[in-house]
Amino acid sequence: MCLNRGKLHGFLVTSKDAYSLSFHQAPILWSSSQSLLQVLKKQNTPGFLWKDQIKPLHNEISALVNSIPRNDEFAKVIVQSIPKEARERGVCPEESLKKRFRDVQKLAMKLDLVPAEGGSLLVYILSYLQSLLVIQSAVRIPQSELDDDEVNFSQLTTHEVLYRAKFWLDRDNLLQALKYVNLLKGASRSVAKRWMHEAKIFLETRQAANILMAHASAANLKKMWFVK
């Protein structure tokens, strides 16, 4: 998500010698990447606040760095793409993000009519009353939207946006859910900002781990089929 595509493409054209060197560390790099992914998938711990669910990544990232050969510039770039906050503080696991979204969804609905800068007491009351009248089952996602046809997302209501975000979260598509939550406006967006921030950190970290696993697997395949 935060990788420079031009730089990434340049490193993909890797020399035979560099790949051969990477092969000797490939199983270790693959295992280190897998360990990082496992931490990201850890289950939510009952009884803890969501901010206390954040998992430190010091050990996993140190293992990644130590498993990268000195001349494997591609892997180094990928590790450096992991957000600083994830490296220094940790990430909120996927299950915790899902659980937290339910709270964000409820609060965002209650604040639908409230502007970002706040409003009068009457506005808050009206917004809350409106949330009580919304019928959850009334929303349906058109098949054309699911098929990635052109959609005017600016016409979606807060309820429709949140419904779509939950739809994709329930199908383990956090990236698509984040895209929809990013459409929120006003106070509803304000209460979702922290969730969006944590989801972005999670996705960028997971992306790095997945790319490193693919890189390690590619080194193994190249050794098996092409290196003589």
C-alpha atoms as a PDB file:
ATOM      1  CA  MET A   1       0.000   0.000   0.000  1.00  0.00           C
ATOM      2  CA  CYS A   2       2.810   2.379   0.774  1.00  0.00           C
ATOM      3  CA  LEU A   3       5.422   0.821  -1.543  1.00  0.00           C
ATOM      4  CA  ASN A   4       6.815   2.817  -4.423  1.00  0.00           C
ATOM      5  CA  ARG A   5       5.727   0.814  -7.479  1.00  0.00           C
ATOM      6  CA  GLY A   6       8.624   1.970  -9.645  1.00  0.00           C
ATOM      7  CA  LYS A   7      11.171   0.990  -7.039  1.00  0.00           C
ATOM      8  CA  LEU A   8       9.390  -2.296  -6.416  1.00  0.00           C
ATOM      9  CA  HIS A   9       9.376  -3.133 -10.127  1.00  0.00           C
ATOM     10  CA  GLY A  10      13.104  -2.386 -10.360  1.00  0.00           C
ATOM     11  CA  PHE A  11      13.912  -4.885  -7.655  1.00  0.00           C
ATOM     12  CA  LEU A  12      11.707  -7.551  -9.210  1.00  0.00           C
ATOM     13  CA  VAL A  13      14.193  -7.859 -12.080  1.00  0.00           C
ATOM     14  CA  THR A  14      16.651  -9.667  -9.851  1.00  0.00           C
ATOM     15  CA  SER A  15      19.926 -11.144 -11.034  1.00  0.00           C
ATOM     16  CA  LYS A  16      20.577 -14.900 -10.992  1.00  0.00           C
ATOM     17  CA  ASP A  17      23.366 -14.501  -8.456  1.00  0.00           C
ATOM     18  CA  ALA A  18      21.194 -12.466  -6.092  1.00  0.00           C
ATOM     19  CA  TYR A  19      18.433 -15.059  -6.260  1.00  0.00           C
ATOM     20  CA  SER A  20      20.921 -17.857  -5.652  1.00  0.00           C
ATOM     21  CA  LEU A  21      22.191 -16.091  -2.570  1.00  0.00           C
ATOM     22  CA  SER A  22      18.624 -15.492  -1.395  1.00  0.00           C
ATOM     23  CA  PHE A  23      17.842 -19.174  -1.810  1.00  0.00           C
ATOM     24  CA  HIS A  24      20.181 -20.182   1.001  1.00  0.00           C
ATOM     25  CA  GLN A  25      18.164 -18.076   3.434  1.00  0.00           C
ATOM     26  CA  ALA A  26      14.770 -18.605   1.770  1.00  0.00           C
ATOM     27  CA  PRO A  27      13.386 -21.183   4.249  1.00  0.00           C
ATOM     28  CA  ILE A  28      14.357 -18.966   7.185  1.00  0.00           C
ATOM     29  CA  LEU A  29      12.895 -15.853   5.534  1.00  0.00           C
ATOM     30  CA  TRP A  30       9.691 -17.750   4.727  1.00  0.00           C
ATOM     31  CA  SER A  31       9.395 -18.972   8.318  1.00  0.00           C
ATOM     32  CA  SER A  32      10.030 -15.484   9.731  1.00  0.00           C
ATOM     33  CA  SER A  33       7.369 -14.002   7.458  1.00  0.00           C
ATOM     34  CA  GLN A  34       4.918 -16.710   8.454  1.00  0.00           C
ATOM     35  CA  SER A  35       5.546 -15.970  12.142  1.00  0.00           C
ATOM     36  CA  LEU A  36       4.707 -12.321  11.549  1.00  0.00           C
ATOM     37  CA  LEU A  37       1.469 -13.268   9.794  1.00  0.00           C
ATOM     38  CA  GLN A  38       0.494 -15.517  12.680  1.00  0.00           C
ATOM     39  CA  VAL A  39       0.830 -12.628  15.126  1.00  0.00           C
ATOM     40  CA  LEU A  40      -1.400 -10.503  12.896  1.00  0.00           C
ATOM     41  CA  LYS A  41      -4.064 -13.210  12.940  1.00  0.00           C
ATOM     42  CA  LYS A  42      -4.071 -13.738  16.703  1.00  0.00           C
ATOM     43  CA  GLN A  43      -7.488 -13.996  18.277  1.00  0.00           C
ATOM     44  CA  ASN A  44      -9.023 -11.228  20.325  1.00  0.00           C
ATOM     45  CA  THR A  45      -8.348 -11.538  24.077  1.00  0.00           C
ATOM     46  CA  PRO A  46     -11.656 -11.340  26.008  1.00  0.00           C
ATOM     47  CA  GLY A  47     -11.872  -8.700  28.720  1.00  0.00           C
ATOM     48  CA  PHE A  48      -9.207  -6.374  27.283  1.00  0.00           C
ATOM     49  CA  LEU A  49      -9.802  -2.947  25.774  1.00  0.00           C
ATOM     50  CA  TRP A  50      -9.079  -2.866  22.079  1.00  0.00           C
ATOM     51  CA  LYS A  51      -6.073  -0.574  22.557  1.00  0.00           C
ATOM     52  CA  ASP A  52      -4.621  -3.237  24.849  1.00  0.00           C
ATOM     53  CA  GLN A  53      -4.948  -5.850  22.094  1.00  0.00           C
ATOM     54  CA  ILE A  54      -2.041  -4.329  20.167  1.00  0.00           C
ATOM     55  CA  LYS A  55       0.627  -6.967  19.558  1.00  0.00           C
ATOM     56  CA  PRO A  56       4.311  -5.921  19.722  1.00  0.00           C
ATOM     57  CA  LEU A  57       6.319  -7.002  16.677  1.00  0.00           C
ATOM     58  CA  HIS A  58       9.886  -6.451  17.892  1.00  0.00           C
ATOM     59  CA  ASN A  59      10.813 -10.144  17.891  1.00  0.00           C
ATOM     60  CA  GLU A  60       9.142 -10.954  14.574  1.00  0.00           C
ATOM     61  CA  ILE A  61      10.631  -7.997  12.696  1.00  0.00           C
ATOM     62  CA  SER A  62      14.079  -8.609  14.191  1.00  0.00           C
ATOM     63  CA  ALA A  63      13.839 -12.197  12.955  1.00  0.00           C
ATOM     64  CA  LEU A  64      12.880 -10.917   9.492  1.00  0.00           C
ATOM     65  CA  VAL A  65      15.827  -8.531   9.353  1.00  0.00           C
ATOM     66  CA  ASN A  66      18.253 -11.222  10.511  1.00  0.00           C
ATOM     67  CA  SER A  67      16.979 -13.682   7.902  1.00  0.00           C
ATOM     68  CA  ILE A  68      17.641 -11.363   4.942  1.00  0.00           C
ATOM     69  CA  PRO A  69      20.934 -11.887   3.059  1.00  0.00           C
ATOM     70  CA  ARG A  70      23.208  -8.873   2.917  1.00  0.00           C
ATOM     71  CA  ASN A  71      22.771  -8.411  -0.846  1.00  0.00           C
ATOM     72  CA  ASP A  72      18.994  -8.959  -0.979  1.00  0.00           C
ATOM     73  CA  GLU A  73      17.984  -5.354  -1.561  1.00  0.00           C
ATOM     74  CA  PHE A  74      14.429  -6.314  -2.520  1.00  0.00           C
ATOM     75  CA  ALA A  75      13.702  -7.903   0.847  1.00  0.00           C
ATOM     76  CA  LYS A  76      15.302  -4.962   2.648  1.00  0.00           C
ATOM     77  CA  VAL A  77      13.001  -2.510   0.857  1.00  0.00           C
ATOM     78  CA  ILE A  78       9.950  -4.576   1.786  1.00  0.00           C
ATOM     79  CA  VAL A  79      10.899  -4.702   5.467  1.00  0.00           C
ATOM     80  CA  GLN A  80      11.496  -0.949   5.444  1.00  0.00           C
ATOM     81  CA  SER A  81       7.976  -0.469   4.036  1.00  0.00           C
ATOM     82  CA  ILE A  82       6.486  -1.775   7.292  1.00  0.00           C
ATOM     83  CA  PRO A  83       5.045   1.309   9.049  1.00  0.00           C
ATOM     84  CA  LYS A  84       7.242   2.781  11.757  1.00  0.00           C
ATOM     85  CA  GLU A  85       4.369   2.625  14.211  1.00  0.00           C
ATOM     86  CA  ALA A  86       3.993  -1.096  13.585  1.00  0.00           C
ATOM     87  CA  ARG A  87       7.706  -1.670  14.143  1.00  0.00           C
ATOM     88  CA  GLU A  88       7.959   0.409  17.299  1.00  0.00           C
ATOM     89  CA  ARG A  89       4.548  -0.091  18.918  1.00  0.00           C
ATOM     90  CA  GLY A  90       2.921  -3.075  17.243  1.00  0.00           C
ATOM     91  CA  VAL A  91      -0.354  -3.697  15.412  1.00  0.00           C
ATOM     92  CA  CYS A  92      -3.955  -4.373  16.269  1.00  0.00           C
ATOM     93  CA  PRO A  93      -4.726  -7.944  15.079  1.00  0.00           C
ATOM     94  CA  GLU A  94      -7.416  -8.562  12.492  1.00  0.00           C
ATOM     95  CA  GLU A  95      -9.912 -10.090  14.918  1.00  0.00           C
ATOM     96  CA  SER A  96      -9.579  -7.101  17.252  1.00  0.00           C
ATOM     97  CA  LEU A  97     -10.198  -4.749  14.326  1.00  0.00           C
ATOM     98  CA  LYS A  98     -13.358  -6.656  13.447  1.00  0.00           C
ATOM     99  CA  LYS A  99     -14.624  -6.469  17.003  1.00  0.00           C
ATOM    100  CA  ARG A 100     -13.777  -2.773  17.295  1.00  0.00           C
ATOM    101  CA  PHE A 101     -15.624  -2.040  14.051  1.00  0.00           C
ATOM    102  CA  ARG A 102     -18.915  -3.076  15.628  1.00  0.00           C
ATOM    103  CA  ASP A 103     -18.528  -0.308  18.210  1.00  0.00           C
ATOM    104  CA  VAL A 104     -17.439   2.193  15.555  1.00  0.00           C
ATOM    105  CA  GLN A 105     -20.429   1.266  13.402  1.00  0.00           C
ATOM    106  CA  LYS A 106     -22.927   1.882  16.214  1.00  0.00           C
ATOM    107  CA  LEU A 107     -21.410   5.216  17.193  1.00  0.00           C
ATOM    108  CA  ALA A 108     -21.038   6.413  13.601  1.00  0.00           C
ATOM    109  CA  MET A 109     -24.720   5.708  12.989  1.00  0.00           C
ATOM    110  CA  LYS A 110     -25.735   7.694  16.068  1.00  0.00           C
ATOM    111  CA  LEU A 111     -23.683  10.676  14.819  1.00  0.00           C
ATOM    112  CA  ASP A 112     -24.821  10.541  11.188  1.00  0.00           C
ATOM    113  CA  LEU A 113     -26.379  14.045  11.195  1.00  0.00           C
ATOM    114  CA  VAL A 114     -23.608  15.675  13.228  1.00  0.00           C
ATOM    115  CA  PRO A 115     -20.988  17.677  11.287  1.00  0.00           C
ATOM    116  CA  ALA A 116     -17.269  17.143  11.902  1.00  0.00           C
ATOM    117  CA  GLU A 117     -17.015  20.293  14.031  1.00  0.00           C
ATOM    118  CA  GLY A 118     -19.933  19.196  16.223  1.00  0.00           C
ATOM    119  CA  GLY A 119     -23.434  20.577  16.562  1.00  0.00           C
ATOM    120  CA  SER A 120     -26.175  21.659  18.909  1.00  0.00           C
ATOM    121  CA  LEU A 121     -27.791  19.330  21.429  1.00  0.00           C
ATOM    122  CA  LEU A 122     -30.848  19.169  19.178  1.00  0.00           C
ATOM    123  CA  VAL A 123     -28.749  17.885  16.276  1.00  0.00           C
ATOM    124  CA  TYR A 124     -27.274  15.140  18.462  1.00  0.00           C
ATOM    125  CA  ILE A 125     -30.743  14.118  19.647  1.00  0.00           C
ATOM    126  CA  LEU A 126     -32.161  14.054  16.120  1.00  0.00           C
ATOM    127  CA  SER A 127     -29.187  12.064  14.878  1.00  0.00           C
ATOM    128  CA  TYR A 128     -29.620   9.526  17.669  1.00  0.00           C
ATOM    129  CA  LEU A 129     -33.349   9.194  17.012  1.00  0.00           C
ATOM    130  CA  GLN A 130     -32.699   8.657  13.321  1.00  0.00           C
ATOM    131  CA  SER A 131     -30.302   5.805  14.116  1.00  0.00           C
ATOM    132  CA  LEU A 132     -33.079   4.069  16.040  1.00  0.00           C
ATOM    133  CA  LEU A 133     -35.373   4.191  13.015  1.00  0.00           C
ATOM    134  CA  VAL A 134     -32.929   2.640  10.556  1.00  0.00           C
ATOM    135  CA  ILE A 135     -33.898  -0.890   9.561  1.00  0.00           C
ATOM    136  CA  GLN A 136     -30.685  -2.896   9.331  1.00  0.00           C
ATOM    137  CA  SER A 137     -32.061  -5.467   6.928  1.00  0.00           C
ATOM    138  CA  ALA A 138     -33.315  -2.853   4.471  1.00  0.00           C
ATOM    139  CA  VAL A 139     -29.928  -2.400   2.802  1.00  0.00           C
ATOM    140  CA  ARG A 140     -28.895  -4.568  -0.134  1.00  0.00           C
ATOM    141  CA  ILE A 141     -25.775  -4.242  -2.250  1.00  0.00           C
ATOM    142  CA  PRO A 142     -26.637  -4.219  -5.978  1.00  0.00           C
ATOM    143  CA  GLN A 143     -25.042  -7.021  -7.989  1.00  0.00           C
ATOM    144  CA  SER A 144     -23.586  -4.427 -10.344  1.00  0.00           C
ATOM    145  CA  GLU A 145     -21.589  -2.969  -7.445  1.00  0.00           C
ATOM    146  CA  LEU A 146     -20.350  -6.406  -6.414  1.00  0.00           C
ATOM    147  CA  ASP A 147     -19.273  -6.910 -10.027  1.00  0.00           C
ATOM    148  CA  ASP A 148     -17.129  -3.736  -9.815  1.00  0.00           C
ATOM    149  CA  ASP A 149     -19.296  -1.762 -12.225  1.00  0.00           C
ATOM    150  CA  GLU A 150     -19.116   2.017 -12.021  1.00  0.00           C
ATOM    151  CA  VAL A 151     -20.844   3.315  -8.889  1.00  0.00           C
ATOM    152  CA  ASN A 152     -21.475   6.845  -7.635  1.00  0.00           C
ATOM    153  CA  PHE A 153     -20.274   6.305  -4.076  1.00  0.00           C
ATOM    154  CA  SER A 154     -20.991   9.916  -3.129  1.00  0.00           C
ATOM    155  CA  GLN A 155     -24.706   9.041  -3.127  1.00  0.00           C
ATOM    156  CA  LEU A 156     -24.356   6.390  -0.414  1.00  0.00           C
ATOM    157  CA  THR A 157     -25.757   7.186   3.013  1.00  0.00           C
ATOM    158  CA  THR A 158     -23.816   6.592   6.228  1.00  0.00           C
ATOM    159  CA  HIS A 159     -25.880   3.488   6.883  1.00  0.00           C
ATOM    160  CA  GLU A 160     -25.206   2.139   3.384  1.00  0.00           C
ATOM    161  CA  VAL A 161     -21.477   2.792   3.735  1.00  0.00           C
ATOM    162  CA  LEU A 162     -21.271   1.026   7.091  1.00  0.00           C
ATOM    163  CA  TYR A 163     -23.371  -1.881   5.864  1.00  0.00           C
ATOM    164  CA  ARG A 164     -20.973  -2.410   2.972  1.00  0.00           C
ATOM    165  CA  ALA A 165     -17.948  -2.171   5.239  1.00  0.00           C
ATOM    166  CA  LYS A 166     -19.398  -4.837   7.542  1.00  0.00           C
ATOM    167  CA  PHE A 167     -20.321  -6.967   4.525  1.00  0.00           C
ATOM    168  CA  TRP A 168     -16.677  -7.140   3.473  1.00  0.00           C
ATOM    169  CA  LEU A 169     -15.349  -7.510   7.013  1.00  0.00           C
ATOM    170  CA  ASP A 170     -17.572 -10.553   7.463  1.00  0.00           C
ATOM    171  CA  ARG A 171     -15.871 -11.967   4.358  1.00  0.00           C
ATOM    172  CA  ASP A 172     -12.361 -11.242   5.680  1.00  0.00           C
ATOM    173  CA  ASN A 173     -11.754  -8.454   3.177  1.00  0.00           C
ATOM    174  CA  LEU A 174     -10.385  -5.733   5.438  1.00  0.00           C
ATOM    175  CA  LEU A 175      -9.007  -3.688   2.559  1.00  0.00           C
ATOM    176  CA  GLN A 176     -12.392  -3.372   0.875  1.00  0.00           C
ATOM    177  CA  ALA A 177     -14.012  -2.555   4.221  1.00  0.00           C
ATOM    178  CA  LEU A 178     -11.466   0.211   4.800  1.00  0.00           C
ATOM    179  CA  LYS A 179     -12.218   1.705   1.394  1.00  0.00           C
ATOM    180  CA  TYR A 180     -15.876   2.039   2.335  1.00  0.00           C
ATOM    181  CA  VAL A 181     -15.240   3.408   5.833  1.00  0.00           C
ATOM    182  CA  ASN A 182     -13.065   6.051   4.180  1.00  0.00           C
ATOM    183  CA  LEU A 183     -16.243   7.364   2.496  1.00  0.00           C
ATOM    184  CA  LEU A 184     -17.731   8.481   5.833  1.00  0.00           C
ATOM    185  CA  LYS A 185     -18.217  12.186   6.457  1.00  0.00           C
ATOM    186  CA  GLY A 186     -18.742  14.511   9.410  1.00  0.00           C
ATOM    187  CA  ALA A 187     -18.662  13.256  12.982  1.00  0.00           C
ATOM    188  CA  SER A 188     -19.160   9.686  11.748  1.00  0.00           C
ATOM    189  CA  ARG A 189     -15.808   9.904   9.994  1.00  0.00           C
ATOM    190  CA  SER A 190     -14.182  11.450  13.062  1.00  0.00           C
ATOM    191  CA  VAL A 191     -15.135   8.524  15.299  1.00  0.00           C
ATOM    192  CA  ALA A 192     -13.855   6.064  12.667  1.00  0.00           C
ATOM    193  CA  LYS A 193     -10.463   7.736  12.151  1.00  0.00           C
ATOM    194  CA  ARG A 194      -8.631   5.695  14.768  1.00  0.00           C
ATOM    195  CA  TRP A 195     -10.042   2.465  13.368  1.00  0.00           C
ATOM    196  CA  MET A 196      -9.018   3.450   9.844  1.00  0.00           C
ATOM    197  CA  HIS A 197      -5.514   4.278  11.051  1.00  0.00           C
ATOM    198  CA  GLU A 198      -5.098   0.921  12.787  1.00  0.00           C
ATOM    199  CA  ALA A 199      -6.544  -0.958   9.810  1.00  0.00           C
ATOM    200  CA  LYS A 200      -4.092   0.771   7.453  1.00  0.00           C
ATOM    201  CA  ILE A 201      -1.127  -0.153   9.671  1.00  0.00           C
ATOM    202  CA  PHE A 202      -2.336  -3.746   9.814  1.00  0.00           C
ATOM    203  CA  LEU A 203      -2.803  -4.002   6.029  1.00  0.00           C
ATOM    204  CA  GLU A 204       0.597  -2.507   5.203  1.00  0.00           C
ATOM    205  CA  THR A 205       2.316  -4.849   7.643  1.00  0.00           C
ATOM    206  CA  ARG A 206       0.455  -7.884   6.317  1.00  0.00           C
ATOM    207  CA  GLN A 207       1.257  -6.880   2.765  1.00  0.00           C
ATOM    208  CA  ALA A 208       4.966  -6.770   3.568  1.00  0.00           C
ATOM    209  CA  ALA A 209       4.862 -10.210   5.192  1.00  0.00           C
ATOM    210  CA  ASN A 210       2.990 -11.714   2.227  1.00  0.00           C
ATOM    211  CA  ILE A 211       5.423 -10.232  -0.283  1.00  0.00           C
ATOM    212  CA  LEU A 212       8.401 -11.580   1.665  1.00  0.00           C
ATOM    213  CA  MET A 213       6.832 -15.038   1.779  1.00  0.00           C
ATOM    214  CA  ALA A 214       6.283 -14.922  -1.988  1.00  0.00           C
ATOM    215  CA  HIS A 215       9.855 -13.696  -2.470  1.00  0.00           C
ATOM    216  CA  ALA A 216      11.241 -16.608  -0.427  1.00  0.00           C
ATOM    217  CA  SER A 217       9.069 -19.102  -2.314  1.00  0.00           C
ATOM    218  CA  ALA A 218      10.196 -17.656  -5.657  1.00  0.00           C
ATOM    219  CA  ALA A 219      13.831 -18.071  -4.651  1.00  0.00           C
ATOM    220  CA  ASN A 220      13.194 -21.741  -3.909  1.00  0.00           C
ATOM    221  CA  LEU A 221      11.402 -22.289  -7.221  1.00  0.00           C
ATOM    222  CA  LYS A 222      14.111 -20.537  -9.188  1.00  0.00           C
ATOM    223  CA  LYS A 223      16.739 -22.721  -7.570  1.00  0.00           C
ATOM    224  CA  MET A 224      14.744 -25.883  -8.304  1.00  0.00           C
ATOM    225  CA  TRP A 225      13.929 -25.166 -11.934  1.00  0.00           C
ATOM    226  CA  PHE A 226      16.424 -22.678 -13.349  1.00  0.00           C
ATOM    227  CA  VAL A 227      19.678 -22.759 -11.413  1.00  0.00           C
ATOM    228  CA  LYS A 228      22.051 -25.336 -12.850  1.00  0.00           C
END
